[in-house]
């Protein structure tokens, strides 16, 4: 685990508030004000956060020392008195490195403290069935390249988080319990990562995609279900603004909800799982495009969108069938969780134009015990970029919540 990850874990174990806790909270408040409203003078910050100018000045000095904030030359503020010096978030300094393992690709992203991605890399790679050691070696090399590019921009990676298409239990952290579409079971990242000092913290890709949507929304809803589709189907539950992982970290396995109990056998061992009707491989098969399933012949999602836009009847029928199955599974989520919104992420976001009518029809027919509006179902704004961006932003959000995670200069 990275230094930021370890410190965040320790912080969660602290007891009653102390002076140190209060300073940590005040640093976070000041940093948030600068992030949201910069450029600001120290006096402006004091007025916004309700702390004395002396207190704000001390906090700003510490944030500058930790590389989170910069202070420009004096500028006139329009008020009586000495000109203020503009505070802004640092263009260089601390950043989060996000990594991603997909069935057909690897990705790396570096985001600065503004939450802006400054480095973005994606390479196509057929990872299904490859040994974890080989995949992680390739990913570590990609991470090194992204970090070097970030360093050239003056960015310093403060934490690393990895989006994975599988189950990451609450304990022990660092374990990938299972990733059926990769063919991995019980993989401990530290056992295979080339450098023990840079092992990333794994998290389920659907969870990170949901968090990225939430963090990037101007006016986010607090309770929603985010469904992410690629080779598999996962879901993330955000309840009252917090990710719900379940008692052991296994929440959100929507792809293995049975929609037809007597249906085909799923790789998980059960029958009639949603993935057998609405997963990428199932849709390609029904569309007559099974040869494009992870075969290194291009982007299968883009191909499906192209065929659907051209009015290809088998593709349209496959997407309608997938939408019906997805709507059936989401009915259970709506009745059980009562979300404000359902968000279709990953491949579903790019195919939403053809999926949404069937999903909405199924929800309208089956959600009968509570109000439900069709506009509450919508595609994710970030599409397939969500999990990787969410991985990078996880470190950024931790720093924003607790700037003391950064080493002092």
Protein backbone atom coordinates (compact mmCIF):
# COMPACT_ATOMS: atom_id res chain seq x y z
CA UNK A 1 0.00 0.00 0.00
CA UNK A 2 1.24 3.53 -0.75
CA UNK A 3 2.12 6.08 1.91
CA UNK A 4 -1.16 7.93 1.39
CA UNK A 5 -3.12 4.67 1.61
CA UNK A 6 -1.36 3.60 4.81
CA UNK A 7 -1.84 6.98 6.43
CA UNK A 8 -5.51 7.07 5.44
CA UNK A 9 -6.01 3.67 7.06
CA UNK A 10 -4.32 4.80 10.26
CA UNK A 11 -6.40 7.98 10.34
CA UNK A 12 -9.62 5.97 10.29
CA UNK A 13 -8.54 4.27 13.53
CA UNK A 14 -8.02 7.45 15.53
CA UNK A 15 -10.23 8.05 18.53
CA UNK A 16 -11.81 11.29 19.81
CA UNK A 17 -11.04 14.60 18.14
CA UNK A 18 -7.81 16.27 19.21
CA UNK A 19 -6.05 19.51 18.37
CA UNK A 20 -4.26 17.62 15.63
CA UNK A 21 -7.62 16.40 14.27
CA UNK A 22 -8.96 19.96 14.32
CA UNK A 23 -5.95 21.26 12.41
CA UNK A 24 -6.34 18.45 9.88
CA UNK A 25 -9.98 19.39 9.38
CA UNK A 26 -9.17 23.08 9.05
CA UNK A 27 -6.47 22.33 6.48
CA UNK A 28 -9.04 20.38 4.49
CA UNK A 29 -11.58 23.23 4.71
CA UNK A 30 -9.05 25.80 3.51
CA UNK A 31 -7.82 23.55 0.70
CA UNK A 32 -11.40 22.92 -0.43
CA UNK A 33 -12.08 26.66 -0.53
CA UNK A 34 -9.04 27.28 -2.69
CA UNK A 35 -9.96 24.38 -4.98
CA UNK A 36 -13.53 25.58 -5.44
CA UNK A 37 -13.05 29.35 -5.66
CA UNK A 38 -9.46 30.19 -6.60
CA UNK A 39 -7.86 32.56 -7.16
CA UNK A 40 -8.39 33.81 -3.62
CA UNK A 41 -6.38 35.95 -1.24
CA UNK A 42 -5.78 34.80 2.32
CA UNK A 43 -8.35 37.36 3.43
CA UNK A 44 -10.85 35.93 0.94
CA UNK A 45 -10.30 32.45 2.36
CA UNK A 46 -10.80 33.74 5.90
CA UNK A 47 -14.11 35.26 4.90
CA UNK A 48 -15.30 32.08 3.22
CA UNK A 49 -14.35 29.54 5.87
CA UNK A 50 -15.02 31.59 9.01
CA UNK A 51 -11.53 31.28 10.51
CA UNK A 52 -9.38 34.18 11.64
CA UNK A 53 -6.87 35.62 9.20
CA UNK A 54 -4.03 34.55 11.46
CA UNK A 55 -5.31 30.97 11.53
CA UNK A 56 -5.84 30.93 7.77
CA UNK A 57 -2.37 32.34 7.17
CA UNK A 58 -0.80 29.55 9.22
CA UNK A 59 -2.85 26.91 7.44
CA UNK A 60 -2.03 28.34 4.00
CA UNK A 61 1.68 28.34 4.84
CA UNK A 62 1.43 24.65 5.69
CA UNK A 63 -0.46 23.84 2.48
CA UNK A 64 2.17 25.69 0.47
CA UNK A 65 4.87 23.76 2.30
CA UNK A 66 3.17 20.47 1.45
CA UNK A 67 3.01 21.41 -2.23
CA UNK A 68 -0.79 21.58 -2.45
CA UNK A 69 -1.23 25.34 -2.94
CA UNK A 70 0.77 28.09 -4.64
CA UNK A 71 0.70 31.83 -4.00
CA UNK A 72 1.18 34.30 -6.83
CA UNK A 73 2.44 37.87 -6.75
CA UNK A 74 0.29 40.51 -5.09
CA UNK A 75 -2.83 41.59 -7.00
CA UNK A 76 -5.34 44.34 -6.32
CA UNK A 77 -8.56 43.03 -4.77
CA UNK A 78 -10.66 46.17 -5.03
CA UNK A 79 -10.76 46.54 -1.25
CA UNK A 80 -9.04 49.06 0.99
CA UNK A 81 -5.68 47.85 2.24
CA UNK A 82 -2.69 46.00 0.86
CA UNK A 83 -3.17 44.04 -2.37
CA UNK A 84 -3.79 40.33 -1.84
CA UNK A 85 -1.68 37.51 -3.20
CA UNK A 86 -3.65 35.00 -5.23
CA UNK A 87 -3.83 31.45 -3.90
CA UNK A 88 -4.43 28.66 -6.40
CA UNK A 89 -4.12 24.90 -6.47
CA UNK A 90 -0.65 23.77 -7.48
CA UNK A 91 -0.22 22.92 -11.16
CA UNK A 92 2.63 20.68 -10.13
CA UNK A 93 3.19 18.80 -6.89
CA UNK A 94 1.07 15.92 -5.51
CA UNK A 95 -1.01 13.76 -7.84
CA UNK A 96 -2.84 10.45 -7.94
CA UNK A 97 -1.88 7.59 -10.23
CA UNK A 98 -4.77 5.43 -11.39
CA UNK A 99 -4.21 2.07 -13.06
CA UNK A 100 -6.63 -0.29 -14.76
CA UNK A 101 -6.65 -3.92 -15.85
CA UNK A 102 -9.29 -4.78 -18.41
CA UNK A 103 -9.85 -8.05 -20.20
CA UNK A 104 -8.61 -6.44 -23.43
CA UNK A 105 -6.54 -3.47 -22.24
CA UNK A 106 -4.33 -1.83 -19.61
CA UNK A 107 -4.59 1.80 -18.56
CA UNK A 108 -2.82 4.48 -16.55
CA UNK A 109 -3.91 7.99 -15.56
CA UNK A 110 -2.32 10.72 -13.45
CA UNK A 111 -4.66 13.38 -12.00
CA UNK A 112 -3.54 16.56 -10.25
CA UNK A 113 -5.11 18.02 -7.11
CA UNK A 114 -7.67 19.87 -9.22
CA UNK A 115 -8.89 16.45 -10.30
CA UNK A 116 -7.73 17.08 -13.86
CA UNK A 117 -6.20 14.12 -15.72
CA UNK A 118 -2.77 15.25 -16.91
CA UNK A 119 -1.52 11.90 -18.21
CA UNK A 120 -3.69 9.31 -19.92
CA UNK A 121 -2.41 6.06 -21.39
CA UNK A 122 -4.23 3.01 -22.69
CA UNK A 123 -2.75 0.00 -24.47
CA UNK A 124 -4.70 -2.86 -26.00
CA UNK A 125 -3.71 -6.16 -24.43
CA UNK A 126 -5.53 -9.53 -24.39
CA UNK A 127 -5.30 -10.30 -20.66
CA UNK A 128 -7.84 -13.11 -20.30
CA UNK A 129 -6.08 -16.30 -19.26
CA UNK A 130 -2.65 -14.68 -18.97
CA UNK A 131 -0.76 -15.29 -15.71
CA UNK A 132 -1.19 -12.52 -13.17
CA UNK A 133 2.59 -12.07 -12.97
CA UNK A 134 2.83 -11.32 -16.70
CA UNK A 135 -0.11 -8.89 -16.73
CA UNK A 136 1.10 -7.06 -13.63
CA UNK A 137 4.62 -6.77 -15.05
CA UNK A 138 3.20 -5.10 -18.16
CA UNK A 139 1.04 -2.82 -16.02
CA UNK A 140 3.99 -1.86 -13.80
CA UNK A 141 5.95 -0.86 -16.90
CA UNK A 142 3.01 1.26 -18.09
CA UNK A 143 2.76 2.81 -14.62
CA UNK A 144 6.46 3.73 -14.75
CA UNK A 145 5.96 5.39 -18.14
CA UNK A 146 2.96 7.39 -16.86
CA UNK A 147 4.83 8.42 -13.72
CA UNK A 148 7.83 9.58 -15.76
CA UNK A 149 5.53 11.63 -18.00
CA UNK A 150 3.92 13.13 -14.90
CA UNK A 151 7.31 13.95 -13.38
CA UNK A 152 8.19 15.88 -16.54
CA UNK A 153 5.11 18.02 -15.81
CA UNK A 154 6.27 18.60 -12.24
CA UNK A 155 3.75 16.17 -10.74
CA UNK A 156 4.70 13.89 -7.85
CA UNK A 157 2.68 10.67 -7.49
CA UNK A 158 1.38 10.44 -3.93
CA UNK A 159 -0.67 7.27 -4.22
CA UNK A 160 -1.58 4.44 -6.60
CA UNK A 161 -4.96 2.74 -6.97
CA UNK A 162 -5.79 -0.08 -9.38
CA UNK A 163 -9.20 -0.71 -10.99
CA UNK A 164 -9.77 -4.43 -11.47
CA UNK A 165 -12.66 -6.40 -13.00
CA UNK A 166 -13.24 -8.59 -9.99
CA UNK A 167 -14.02 -8.92 -6.30
CA UNK A 168 -11.76 -7.14 -3.81
CA UNK A 169 -12.67 -8.16 -0.25
CA UNK A 170 -12.63 -5.69 2.62
CA UNK A 171 -9.93 -7.78 4.30
CA UNK A 172 -7.22 -8.53 3.63
CA UNK A 173 -6.61 -5.50 1.42
CA UNK A 174 -4.43 -6.12 -1.59
CA UNK A 175 -6.18 -9.38 -2.46
CA UNK A 176 -8.11 -9.94 -5.68
CA UNK A 177 -10.48 -12.69 -4.57
CA UNK A 178 -11.64 -13.61 -8.02
CA UNK A 179 -11.78 -12.14 -11.50
CA UNK A 180 -13.57 -14.78 -13.63
CA UNK A 181 -13.15 -12.95 -16.92
CA UNK A 182 -9.40 -12.84 -16.39
CA UNK A 183 -9.29 -16.39 -15.07
CA UNK A 184 -7.73 -15.23 -11.76
CA UNK A 185 -8.54 -16.45 -8.27
CA UNK A 186 -6.89 -15.49 -4.98
CA UNK A 187 -4.28 -13.16 -6.51
CA UNK A 188 -2.33 -11.07 -3.98
CA UNK A 189 -0.87 -8.10 -5.83
CA UNK A 190 2.20 -7.79 -3.64
CA UNK A 191 3.25 -11.31 -4.64
CA UNK A 192 3.48 -10.39 -8.32
CA UNK A 193 4.24 -6.65 -8.49
CA UNK A 194 7.87 -6.03 -9.52
CA UNK A 195 8.57 -3.22 -7.02
CA UNK A 196 7.34 -3.77 -3.43
CA UNK A 197 7.44 -0.01 -2.79
CA UNK A 198 4.93 0.85 -5.52
CA UNK A 199 2.25 -1.84 -5.15
CA UNK A 200 -1.10 -0.21 -6.00
CA UNK A 201 -4.22 -0.61 -3.87
CA UNK A 202 -6.83 -2.64 -5.79
CA UNK A 203 -10.50 -1.72 -6.00
CA UNK A 204 -13.40 -3.04 -8.05
CA UNK A 205 -13.75 -1.17 -11.33
CA UNK A 206 -17.51 -0.61 -10.96
CA UNK A 207 -16.97 0.98 -7.55
CA UNK A 208 -14.37 3.36 -8.95
CA UNK A 209 -16.55 4.21 -11.94
CA UNK A 210 -19.42 5.10 -9.60
CA UNK A 211 -17.21 7.26 -7.39
CA UNK A 212 -15.81 9.10 -10.41
CA UNK A 213 -19.36 9.89 -11.57
CA UNK A 214 -20.29 11.11 -8.11
CA UNK A 215 -17.19 13.26 -7.66
CA UNK A 216 -17.49 14.82 -11.11
CA UNK A 217 -21.20 15.64 -10.98
CA UNK A 218 -22.05 19.27 -10.42
CA UNK A 219 -25.13 18.40 -8.37
CA UNK A 220 -24.86 14.68 -7.58
CA UNK A 221 -27.67 12.52 -6.29
CA UNK A 222 -26.77 10.84 -3.02
CA UNK A 223 -28.20 7.36 -3.57
CA UNK A 224 -27.76 5.60 -6.89
CA UNK A 225 -26.78 2.33 -8.56
CA UNK A 226 -23.99 2.46 -11.13
CA UNK A 227 -23.90 -0.49 -13.53
CA UNK A 228 -20.63 -1.05 -15.35
CA UNK A 229 -20.31 -3.40 -18.31
CA UNK A 230 -17.34 -4.75 -20.16
CA UNK A 231 -16.46 -8.40 -20.46
CA UNK A 232 -18.42 -8.78 -17.22
CA UNK A 233 -21.15 -6.82 -15.47
CA UNK A 234 -20.68 -5.20 -12.09
CA UNK A 235 -22.61 -2.69 -10.06
CA UNK A 236 -21.71 -0.18 -7.39
CA UNK A 237 -24.09 1.03 -4.71
CA UNK A 238 -23.69 4.59 -3.47
CA UNK A 239 -25.97 5.22 -0.49
CA UNK A 240 -26.22 8.66 1.12
CA UNK A 241 -23.07 9.68 -0.73
CA UNK A 242 -20.98 6.74 0.47
CA UNK A 243 -19.89 3.63 -1.36
CA UNK A 244 -21.53 0.52 0.07
CA UNK A 245 -19.14 -2.43 -0.18
CA UNK A 246 -21.09 -4.95 1.88
CA UNK A 247 -20.00 -6.89 4.96
CA UNK A 248 -17.05 -8.50 3.16
CA UNK A 249 -16.65 -6.33 0.06
CA UNK A 250 -18.73 -8.51 -2.27
CA UNK A 251 -21.64 -6.09 -2.87
CA UNK A 252 -22.59 -5.26 -6.44
CA UNK A 253 -22.30 -8.60 -8.25
CA UNK A 254 -25.22 -7.70 -10.51
CA UNK A 255 -23.86 -9.76 -13.40
CA UNK A 256 -24.57 -12.95 -11.48
CA UNK A 257 -28.16 -12.21 -10.57
CA UNK A 258 -30.23 -14.92 -12.29
CA UNK A 259 -32.65 -13.45 -14.80
CA UNK A 260 -33.65 -16.83 -16.26
CA UNK A 261 -33.01 -19.62 -13.70
CA UNK A 262 -33.07 -22.35 -16.36
CA UNK A 263 -30.79 -20.42 -18.71
CA UNK A 264 -27.28 -21.26 -19.92
CA UNK A 265 -24.49 -22.13 -17.53
CA UNK A 266 -22.35 -19.16 -16.46
CA UNK A 267 -18.58 -19.41 -15.80
CA UNK A 268 -19.41 -18.69 -12.16
CA UNK A 269 -21.17 -22.09 -12.02
CA UNK A 270 -24.77 -20.88 -11.81
CA UNK A 271 -27.38 -20.78 -14.54
CA UNK A 272 -29.15 -17.92 -16.26
CA UNK A 273 -26.96 -15.10 -14.90
CA UNK A 274 -27.42 -11.62 -16.33
CA UNK A 275 -23.98 -11.79 -17.97
CA UNK A 276 -25.24 -14.62 -20.18
CA UNK A 277 -27.80 -12.23 -21.70
CA UNK A 278 -26.40 -8.72 -21.35
CA UNK A 279 -22.64 -9.23 -21.11
CA UNK A 280 -20.38 -8.18 -23.96
CA UNK A 281 -19.74 -11.73 -25.16
CA UNK A 282 -23.45 -12.59 -25.11
CA UNK A 283 -24.41 -9.49 -27.12
CA UNK A 284 -21.67 -10.12 -29.69
CA UNK A 285 -22.80 -13.72 -30.02
CA UNK A 286 -26.44 -12.78 -30.53
CA UNK A 287 -25.41 -10.11 -33.05
CA UNK A 288 -23.46 -12.66 -35.07
CA UNK A 289 -20.15 -11.05 -34.13
CA UNK A 290 -18.75 -13.66 -31.74
CA UNK A 291 -15.41 -13.65 -33.58
CA UNK A 292 -14.77 -10.15 -32.21
CA UNK A 293 -14.99 -11.22 -28.56
CA UNK A 294 -11.53 -10.46 -27.12
CA UNK A 295 -9.85 -11.59 -30.32
CA UNK A 296 -7.68 -8.52 -30.82
CA UNK A 297 -9.75 -7.44 -33.84
CA UNK A 298 -10.55 -3.95 -32.61
CA UNK A 299 -13.01 -2.45 -30.15
CA UNK A 300 -16.09 -4.71 -29.92
CA UNK A 301 -18.19 -2.01 -28.23
CA UNK A 302 -17.44 0.48 -30.99
CA UNK A 303 -18.29 -2.22 -33.52
CA UNK A 304 -21.65 -2.90 -31.86
CA UNK A 305 -22.42 0.84 -31.85
CA UNK A 306 -21.46 1.11 -35.52
CA UNK A 307 -23.64 -1.83 -36.53
CA UNK A 308 -26.56 -0.60 -34.44
CA UNK A 309 -26.33 2.90 -35.94
CA UNK A 310 -26.40 1.34 -39.40
CA UNK A 311 -29.62 -0.51 -38.49
CA UNK A 312 -28.10 -4.00 -38.53
CA UNK A 313 -31.10 -6.18 -37.50
CA UNK A 314 -29.20 -8.89 -35.55
CA UNK A 315 -27.31 -6.23 -33.55
CA UNK A 316 -30.48 -4.28 -32.77
CA UNK A 317 -32.20 -7.49 -31.67
CA UNK A 318 -29.22 -8.46 -29.48
CA UNK A 319 -29.19 -5.06 -27.77
CA UNK A 320 -32.97 -5.17 -27.22
CA UNK A 321 -32.62 -8.62 -25.63
CA UNK A 322 -29.76 -7.37 -23.45
CA UNK A 323 -31.79 -4.33 -22.40
CA UNK A 324 -34.72 -6.50 -21.35
CA UNK A 325 -32.49 -8.74 -19.25
CA UNK A 326 -30.76 -5.74 -17.69
CA UNK A 327 -34.10 -4.12 -16.88
CA UNK A 328 -35.22 -7.32 -15.18
CA UNK A 329 -32.12 -7.36 -12.96
CA UNK A 330 -32.36 -3.64 -12.20
CA UNK A 331 -35.96 -4.03 -11.09
CA UNK A 332 -34.68 -5.96 -8.09
CA UNK A 333 -32.14 -3.22 -7.33
CA UNK A 334 -34.81 -0.53 -7.49
CA UNK A 335 -37.20 -2.40 -5.20
CA UNK A 336 -34.47 -3.34 -2.72
CA UNK A 337 -32.45 -0.11 -2.51
CA UNK A 338 -34.91 2.62 -3.60
CA UNK A 339 -32.24 4.63 -5.47
CA UNK A 340 -32.70 8.14 -6.81
CA UNK A 341 -31.02 7.11 -10.04
CA UNK A 342 -29.72 4.21 -12.11
CA UNK A 343 -26.56 4.97 -14.09
CA UNK A 344 -25.33 2.85 -17.00
CA UNK A 345 -21.56 3.01 -17.22
CA UNK A 346 -18.77 1.30 -19.11
CA UNK A 347 -19.83 -0.18 -22.46
CA UNK A 348 -23.48 0.40 -21.57
CA UNK A 349 -22.95 4.17 -21.67
CA UNK A 350 -21.82 3.99 -25.30
CA UNK A 351 -24.68 1.67 -26.26
CA UNK A 352 -27.30 3.51 -24.22
CA UNK A 353 -29.18 4.81 -27.24
CA UNK A 354 -30.21 1.24 -28.11
CA UNK A 355 -30.36 -0.24 -24.61
CA UNK A 356 -32.40 2.40 -22.78
CA UNK A 357 -35.79 1.84 -24.47
CA UNK A 358 -35.84 -1.86 -23.53
CA UNK A 359 -34.51 -1.25 -20.01
CA UNK A 360 -37.07 1.48 -19.41
CA UNK A 361 -39.89 -0.66 -20.74
CA UNK A 362 -38.96 -3.47 -18.36
CA UNK A 363 -38.71 -1.11 -15.38
CA UNK A 364 -42.03 0.52 -16.24
CA UNK A 365 -43.72 -2.87 -16.34
CA UNK A 366 -42.18 -4.28 -13.18
CA UNK A 367 -41.55 -1.39 -10.75
CA UNK A 368 -45.04 -1.07 -9.34
CA UNK A 369 -44.69 -0.58 -5.58
CA UNK A 370 -42.94 2.80 -5.66
CA UNK A 371 -42.75 5.87 -7.95
CA UNK A 372 -40.26 5.55 -10.77
CA UNK A 373 -39.57 8.05 -13.56
CA UNK A 374 -37.89 6.94 -16.76
CA UNK A 375 -35.47 9.90 -16.63
CA UNK A 376 -34.01 8.40 -13.44
CA UNK A 377 -32.21 5.92 -15.71
CA UNK A 378 -29.40 7.54 -17.67
CA UNK A 379 -25.96 6.83 -19.17
CA UNK A 380 -22.81 7.69 -17.25
CA UNK A 381 -21.24 10.98 -18.27
CA UNK A 382 -17.74 9.47 -18.09
CA UNK A 383 -18.53 6.31 -20.03
CA UNK A 384 -15.65 3.85 -20.12
CA UNK A 385 -13.24 6.43 -18.69
CA UNK A 386 -14.86 6.26 -15.25
CA UNK A 387 -12.96 3.42 -13.52
CA UNK A 388 -9.49 4.65 -14.48
CA UNK A 389 -10.27 8.25 -13.59
CA UNK A 390 -11.86 7.10 -10.34
CA UNK A 391 -8.68 5.21 -9.49
CA UNK A 392 -6.58 8.36 -9.93
CA UNK A 393 -9.09 10.55 -8.07
CA UNK A 394 -9.15 8.26 -5.03
CA UNK A 395 -5.73 9.53 -3.96
CA UNK A 396 -6.71 13.12 -4.78
CA UNK A 397 -9.84 12.89 -2.63
CA UNK A 398 -7.88 11.44 0.27
CA UNK A 399 -5.42 14.31 0.12
CA UNK A 400 -8.23 16.87 -0.08
CA UNK A 401 -9.83 15.31 3.01
CA UNK A 402 -6.54 15.14 4.91
CA UNK A 403 -3.68 17.27 3.52
CA UNK A 404 -1.40 16.02 6.32
CA UNK A 405 -1.06 12.82 4.31
CA UNK A 406 1.40 14.82 2.20
CA UNK A 407 4.96 15.09 3.51
CA UNK A 408 5.92 18.56 4.69
CA UNK A 409 8.68 20.31 2.79
